[in-house]
Amino acid sequence: MNRTAIVVCDCRNEYQDSVYGKQHRFGNPVNRMQKDGVYAVRCTSCGKVHNLGSMSSVRHTVPSSR
């Protein structure tokens, strides 16, 4: 488990807007939900939980270098 994600969130954060793009936020894993097979992350800016589906539908991708 323990998967992070970049998610679309309607909160405001100038730094994350400049790093990830407008309204895109870094999300930390919600381990309690992920261990039950739900792919969920919490926005590091506002704390909103984003449910991204089931863990079985998640494909591992390697981020491209910038």
PDB file of N, CA and C in Angstrom:
ATOM      1  N   MET A   1       0.852  -1.170   0.000  1.00  0.00           N
ATOM      2  CA  MET A   1       0.000   0.000   0.000  1.00  0.00           C
ATOM      3  C   MET A   1       0.901   1.236   0.000  1.00  0.00           C
ATOM      4  N   ASN A   2       0.566   2.201   0.800  1.00  0.00           N
ATOM      5  CA  ASN A   2       1.403   3.364   1.016  1.00  0.00           C
ATOM      6  C   ASN A   2       1.697   4.138  -0.266  1.00  0.00           C
ATOM      7  N   ARG A   3       0.685   4.333  -1.107  1.00  0.00           N
ATOM      8  CA  ARG A   3       0.865   5.033  -2.380  1.00  0.00           C
ATOM      9  C   ARG A   3       0.429   6.490  -2.270  1.00  0.00           C
ATOM     10  N   THR A   4       1.255   7.369  -2.800  1.00  0.00           N
ATOM     11  CA  THR A   4       0.927   8.785  -2.862  1.00  0.00           C
ATOM     12  C   THR A   4       0.332   9.088  -4.230  1.00  0.00           C
ATOM     13  N   ALA A   5      -0.183  10.300  -4.402  1.00  0.00           N
ATOM     14  CA  ALA A   5      -0.741  10.694  -5.693  1.00  0.00           C
ATOM     15  C   ALA A   5      -0.807  12.207  -5.782  1.00  0.00           C
ATOM     16  N   ILE A   6      -0.841  12.698  -7.006  1.00  0.00           N
ATOM     17  CA  ILE A   6      -1.139  14.107  -7.261  1.00  0.00           C
ATOM     18  C   ILE A   6      -2.621  14.149  -7.627  1.00  0.00           C
ATOM     19  N   VAL A   7      -3.403  14.914  -6.860  1.00  0.00           N
ATOM     20  CA  VAL A   7      -4.853  14.958  -7.056  1.00  0.00           C
ATOM     21  C   VAL A   7      -5.319  16.377  -7.330  1.00  0.00           C
ATOM     22  N   VAL A   8      -6.476  16.496  -7.955  1.00  0.00           N
ATOM     23  CA  VAL A   8      -7.091  17.800  -8.181  1.00  0.00           C
ATOM     24  C   VAL A   8      -7.904  18.132  -6.937  1.00  0.00           C
ATOM     25  N   CYS A   9      -7.624  19.286  -6.347  1.00  0.00           N
ATOM     26  CA  CYS A   9      -8.323  19.722  -5.137  1.00  0.00           C
ATOM     27  C   CYS A   9      -8.661  21.205  -5.290  1.00  0.00           C
ATOM     28  N   ASP A  10      -9.771  21.630  -4.717  1.00  0.00           N
ATOM     29  CA  ASP A  10     -10.194  23.021  -4.888  1.00  0.00           C
ATOM     30  C   ASP A  10      -9.657  23.965  -3.813  1.00  0.00           C
ATOM     31  N   CYS A  11      -8.698  23.497  -3.000  1.00  0.00           N
ATOM     32  CA  CYS A  11      -8.109  24.375  -1.986  1.00  0.00           C
ATOM     33  C   CYS A  11      -7.063  25.288  -2.632  1.00  0.00           C
ATOM     34  N   ARG A  12      -6.556  26.237  -1.858  1.00  0.00           N
ATOM     35  CA  ARG A  12      -5.562  27.183  -2.380  1.00  0.00           C
ATOM     36  C   ARG A  12      -4.207  26.943  -1.732  1.00  0.00           C
ATOM     37  N   ASN A  13      -3.176  26.913  -2.563  1.00  0.00           N
ATOM     38  CA  ASN A  13      -1.814  26.791  -2.082  1.00  0.00           C
ATOM     39  C   ASN A  13      -0.892  27.255  -3.207  1.00  0.00           C
ATOM     40  N   GLU A  14      -0.344  28.424  -3.076  1.00  0.00           N
ATOM     41  CA  GLU A  14       0.471  29.010  -4.139  1.00  0.00           C
ATOM     42  C   GLU A  14       1.700  28.160  -4.467  1.00  0.00           C
ATOM     43  N   TYR A  15       2.353  27.615  -3.435  1.00  0.00           N
ATOM     44  CA  TYR A  15       3.546  26.812  -3.675  1.00  0.00           C
ATOM     45  C   TYR A  15       3.208  25.569  -4.496  1.00  0.00           C
ATOM     46  N   GLN A  16       2.178  24.818  -4.081  1.00  0.00           N
ATOM     47  CA  GLN A  16       1.833  23.603  -4.814  1.00  0.00           C
ATOM     48  C   GLN A  16       1.289  23.920  -6.200  1.00  0.00           C
ATOM     49  N   ASP A  17       0.638  25.076  -6.373  1.00  0.00           N
ATOM     50  CA  ASP A  17       0.221  25.497  -7.716  1.00  0.00           C
ATOM     51  C   ASP A  17       1.448  25.646  -8.621  1.00  0.00           C
ATOM     52  N   SER A  18       2.525  26.217  -8.092  1.00  0.00           N
ATOM     53  CA  SER A  18       3.721  26.433  -8.905  1.00  0.00           C
ATOM     54  C   SER A  18       4.482  25.139  -9.173  1.00  0.00           C
ATOM     55  N   VAL A  19       4.406  24.180  -8.269  1.00  0.00           N
ATOM     56  CA  VAL A  19       5.151  22.925  -8.430  1.00  0.00           C
ATOM     57  C   VAL A  19       4.375  21.894  -9.252  1.00  0.00           C
ATOM     58  N   TYR A  20       3.094  21.671  -8.921  1.00  0.00           N
ATOM     59  CA  TYR A  20       2.301  20.597  -9.520  1.00  0.00           C
ATOM     60  C   TYR A  20       1.285  21.065 -10.559  1.00  0.00           C
ATOM     61  N   GLY A  21       1.033  22.361 -10.635  1.00  0.00           N
ATOM     62  CA  GLY A  21       0.035  22.898 -11.553  1.00  0.00           C
ATOM     63  C   GLY A  21      -1.175  23.392 -10.769  1.00  0.00           C
ATOM     64  N   LYS A  22      -1.944  24.271 -11.401  1.00  0.00           N
ATOM     65  CA  LYS A  22      -3.078  24.886 -10.730  1.00  0.00           C
ATOM     66  C   LYS A  22      -4.063  23.837 -10.206  1.00  0.00           C
ATOM     67  N   GLN A  23      -4.373  23.936  -8.928  1.00  0.00           N
ATOM     68  CA  GLN A  23      -5.295  23.067  -8.198  1.00  0.00           C
ATOM     69  C   GLN A  23      -4.875  21.597  -8.161  1.00  0.00           C
ATOM     70  N   HIS A  24      -3.606  21.302  -8.414  1.00  0.00           N
ATOM     71  CA  HIS A  24      -3.095  19.941  -8.272  1.00  0.00           C
ATOM     72  C   HIS A  24      -2.294  19.891  -6.970  1.00  0.00           C
ATOM     73  N   ARG A  25      -2.627  18.919  -6.134  1.00  0.00           N
ATOM     74  CA  ARG A  25      -2.027  18.824  -4.804  1.00  0.00           C
ATOM     75  C   ARG A  25      -1.403  17.459  -4.590  1.00  0.00           C
ATOM     76  N   PHE A  26      -0.337  17.444  -3.792  1.00  0.00           N
ATOM     77  CA  PHE A  26       0.279  16.190  -3.393  1.00  0.00           C
ATOM     78  C   PHE A  26      -0.604  15.545  -2.344  1.00  0.00           C
ATOM     79  N   GLY A  27      -0.844  14.252  -2.476  1.00  0.00           N
ATOM     80  CA  GLY A  27      -1.681  13.538  -1.518  1.00  0.00           C
ATOM     81  C   GLY A  27      -0.914  12.424  -0.834  1.00  0.00           C
ATOM     82  N   ASN A  28      -0.919  12.427   0.491  1.00  0.00           N
ATOM     83  CA  ASN A  28      -0.322  11.356   1.284  1.00  0.00           C
ATOM     84  C   ASN A  28      -1.315  10.229   1.435  1.00  0.00           C
ATOM     85  N   PRO A  29      -0.846   8.985   1.562  1.00  0.00           N
ATOM     86  CA  PRO A  29      -1.753   7.841   1.666  1.00  0.00           C
ATOM     87  C   PRO A  29      -2.555   7.845   2.963  1.00  0.00           C
ATOM     88  N   VAL A  30      -3.788   7.381   2.863  1.00  0.00           N
ATOM     89  CA  VAL A  30      -4.619   7.138   4.046  1.00  0.00           C
ATOM     90  C   VAL A  30      -4.507   5.632   4.288  1.00  0.00           C
ATOM     91  N   ASN A  31      -3.526   5.238   5.101  1.00  0.00           N
ATOM     92  CA  ASN A  31      -3.182   3.831   5.250  1.00  0.00           C
ATOM     93  C   ASN A  31      -4.328   2.988   5.785  1.00  0.00           C
ATOM     94  N   ARG A  32      -5.161   3.538   6.656  1.00  0.00           N
ATOM     95  CA  ARG A  32      -6.293   2.769   7.189  1.00  0.00           C
ATOM     96  C   ARG A  32      -7.237   2.334   6.081  1.00  0.00           C
ATOM     97  N   MET A  33      -7.429   3.194   5.087  1.00  0.00           N
ATOM     98  CA  MET A  33      -8.306   2.863   3.969  1.00  0.00           C
ATOM     99  C   MET A  33      -7.571   1.989   2.953  1.00  0.00           C
ATOM    100  N   GLN A  34      -6.277   2.278   2.721  1.00  0.00           N
ATOM    101  CA  GLN A  34      -5.530   1.519   1.731  1.00  0.00           C
ATOM    102  C   GLN A  34      -5.352   0.064   2.146  1.00  0.00           C
ATOM    103  N   LYS A  35      -5.206  -0.210   3.444  1.00  0.00           N
ATOM    104  CA  LYS A  35      -5.051  -1.610   3.864  1.00  0.00           C
ATOM    105  C   LYS A  35      -6.332  -2.402   3.640  1.00  0.00           C
ATOM    106  N   ASP A  36      -7.472  -1.714   3.518  1.00  0.00           N
ATOM    107  CA  ASP A  36      -8.751  -2.362   3.218  1.00  0.00           C
ATOM    108  C   ASP A  36      -9.017  -2.419   1.716  1.00  0.00           C
ATOM    109  N   GLY A  37      -8.032  -2.017   0.912  1.00  0.00           N
ATOM    110  CA  GLY A  37      -8.154  -2.114  -0.536  1.00  0.00           C
ATOM    111  C   GLY A  37      -8.705  -0.876  -1.216  1.00  0.00           C
ATOM    112  N   VAL A  38      -8.854   0.226  -0.475  1.00  0.00           N
ATOM    113  CA  VAL A  38      -9.357   1.476  -1.052  1.00  0.00           C
ATOM    114  C   VAL A  38      -8.176   2.416  -1.256  1.00  0.00           C
ATOM    115  N   TYR A  39      -7.995   2.873  -2.493  1.00  0.00           N
ATOM    116  CA  TYR A  39      -6.897   3.792  -2.795  1.00  0.00           C
ATOM    117  C   TYR A  39      -7.347   5.197  -2.447  1.00  0.00           C
ATOM    118  N   ALA A  40      -6.910   5.695  -1.294  1.00  0.00           N
ATOM    119  CA  ALA A  40      -7.306   7.018  -0.823  1.00  0.00           C
ATOM    120  C   ALA A  40      -6.070   7.788  -0.380  1.00  0.00           C
ATOM    121  N   VAL A  41      -6.058   9.079  -0.692  1.00  0.00           N
ATOM    122  CA  VAL A  41      -4.972   9.961  -0.267  1.00  0.00           C
ATOM    123  C   VAL A  41      -5.568  11.218   0.359  1.00  0.00           C
ATOM    124  N   ARG A  42      -4.784  11.846   1.235  1.00  0.00           N
ATOM    125  CA  ARG A  42      -5.213  13.075   1.908  1.00  0.00           C
ATOM    126  C   ARG A  42      -4.396  14.242   1.368  1.00  0.00           C
ATOM    127  N   CYS A  43      -5.081  15.299   0.950  1.00  0.00           N
ATOM    128  CA  CYS A  43      -4.429  16.506   0.452  1.00  0.00           C
ATOM    129  C   CYS A  43      -3.523  17.081   1.538  1.00  0.00           C
ATOM    130  N   THR A  44      -2.270  17.371   1.185  1.00  0.00           N
ATOM    131  CA  THR A  44      -1.339  17.909   2.175  1.00  0.00           C
ATOM    132  C   THR A  44      -1.581  19.386   2.450  1.00  0.00           C
ATOM    133  N   SER A  45      -2.422  20.026   1.655  1.00  0.00           N
ATOM    134  CA  SER A  45      -2.717  21.436   1.851  1.00  0.00           C
ATOM    135  C   SER A  45      -3.927  21.650   2.763  1.00  0.00           C
ATOM    136  N   CYS A  46      -5.037  20.963   2.475  1.00  0.00           N
ATOM    137  CA  CYS A  46      -6.261  21.206   3.252  1.00  0.00           C
ATOM    138  C   CYS A  46      -6.730  20.005   4.076  1.00  0.00           C
ATOM    139  N   GLY A  47      -6.212  18.815   3.794  1.00  0.00           N
ATOM    140  CA  GLY A  47      -6.585  17.631   4.557  1.00  0.00           C
ATOM    141  C   GLY A  47      -7.764  16.849   4.007  1.00  0.00           C
ATOM    142  N   LYS A  48      -8.323  17.287   2.893  1.00  0.00           N
ATOM    143  CA  LYS A  48      -9.454  16.579   2.300  1.00  0.00           C
ATOM    144  C   LYS A  48      -9.007  15.202   1.813  1.00  0.00           C
ATOM    145  N   VAL A  49      -9.837  14.174   2.067  1.00  0.00           N
ATOM    146  CA  VAL A  49      -9.529  12.820   1.616  1.00  0.00           C
ATOM    147  C   VAL A  49     -10.124  12.611   0.223  1.00  0.00           C
ATOM    148  N   HIS A  50      -9.288  12.139  -0.693  1.00  0.00           N
ATOM    149  CA  HIS A  50      -9.696  11.854  -2.067  1.00  0.00           C
ATOM    150  C   HIS A  50      -9.686  10.350  -2.273  1.00  0.00           C
ATOM    151  N   ASN A  51     -10.842   9.769  -2.579  1.00  0.00           N
ATOM    152  CA  ASN A  51     -10.962   8.345  -2.849  1.00  0.00           C
ATOM    153  C   ASN A  51     -10.707   8.136  -4.337  1.00  0.00           C
ATOM    154  N   LEU A  52      -9.657   7.392  -4.666  1.00  0.00           N
ATOM    155  CA  LEU A  52      -9.253   7.214  -6.051  1.00  0.00           C
ATOM    156  C   LEU A  52      -9.607   5.838  -6.600  1.00  0.00           C
ATOM    157  N   GLY A  53     -10.423   5.089  -5.891  1.00  0.00           N
ATOM    158  CA  GLY A  53     -10.851   3.775  -6.380  1.00  0.00           C
ATOM    159  C   GLY A  53     -10.253   2.646  -5.576  1.00  0.00           C
ATOM    160  N   SER A  54     -10.257   1.452  -6.171  1.00  0.00           N
ATOM    161  CA  SER A  54      -9.738   0.281  -5.469  1.00  0.00           C
ATOM    162  C   SER A  54      -8.249   0.110  -5.759  1.00  0.00           C
ATOM    163  N   MET A  55      -7.549  -0.509  -4.841  1.00  0.00           N
ATOM    164  CA  MET A  55      -6.114  -0.742  -5.003  1.00  0.00           C
ATOM    165  C   MET A  55      -5.840  -1.679  -6.167  1.00  0.00           C
ATOM    166  N   SER A  56      -6.771  -2.567  -6.497  1.00  0.00           N
ATOM    167  CA  SER A  56      -6.544  -3.518  -7.588  1.00  0.00           C
ATOM    168  C   SER A  56      -6.536  -2.825  -8.955  1.00  0.00           C
ATOM    169  N   SER A  57      -7.130  -1.634  -9.039  1.00  0.00           N
ATOM    170  CA  SER A  57      -7.174  -0.926 -10.325  1.00  0.00           C
ATOM    171  C   SER A  57      -6.003   0.035 -10.500  1.00  0.00           C
ATOM    172  N   VAL A  58      -5.114   0.111  -9.501  1.00  0.00           N
ATOM    173  CA  VAL A  58      -3.998   1.045  -9.552  1.00  0.00           C
ATOM    174  C   VAL A  58      -2.818   0.399 -10.269  1.00  0.00           C
ATOM    175  N   ARG A  59      -2.283   1.115 -11.251  1.00  0.00           N
ATOM    176  CA  ARG A  59      -1.084   0.663 -11.941  1.00  0.00           C
ATOM    177  C   ARG A  59       0.094   1.469 -11.420  1.00  0.00           C
ATOM    178  N   HIS A  60       1.202   0.801 -11.175  1.00  0.00           N
ATOM    179  CA  HIS A  60       2.399   1.485 -10.724  1.00  0.00           C
ATOM    180  C   HIS A  60       3.046   2.196 -11.897  1.00  0.00           C
ATOM    181  N   THR A  61       3.275   3.481 -11.755  1.00  0.00           N
ATOM    182  CA  THR A  61       3.946   4.235 -12.811  1.00  0.00           C
ATOM    183  C   THR A  61       5.166   4.940 -12.252  1.00  0.00           C
ATOM    184  N   VAL A  62       6.144   5.095 -13.059  1.00  0.00           N
ATOM    185  CA  VAL A  62       7.359   5.801 -12.664  1.00  0.00           C
ATOM    186  C   VAL A  62       7.219   7.230 -13.167  1.00  0.00           C
ATOM    187  N   PRO A  63       7.330   8.221 -12.269  1.00  0.00           N
ATOM    188  CA  PRO A  63       7.187   9.611 -12.713  1.00  0.00           C
ATOM    189  C   PRO A  63       8.298  10.006 -13.678  1.00  0.00           C
ATOM    190  N   SER A  64       7.947  10.806 -14.637  1.00  0.00           N
ATOM    191  CA  SER A  64       8.951  11.277 -15.589  1.00  0.00           C
ATOM    192  C   SER A  64       9.781  12.369 -14.951  1.00  0.00           C
ATOM    193  N   SER A  65      11.042  12.439 -15.309  1.00  0.00           N
ATOM    194  CA  SER A  65      11.900  13.479 -14.758  1.00  0.00           C
ATOM    195  C   SER A  65      11.638  14.779 -15.495  1.00  0.00           C
ATOM    196  N   ARG A  66      11.737  15.871 -14.771  1.00  0.00           N
ATOM    197  CA  ARG A  66      11.478  17.188 -15.365  1.00  0.00           C
ATOM    198  C   ARG A  66      12.739  17.882 -15.704  1.00  0.00           C
TER     199      ARG A  66
END
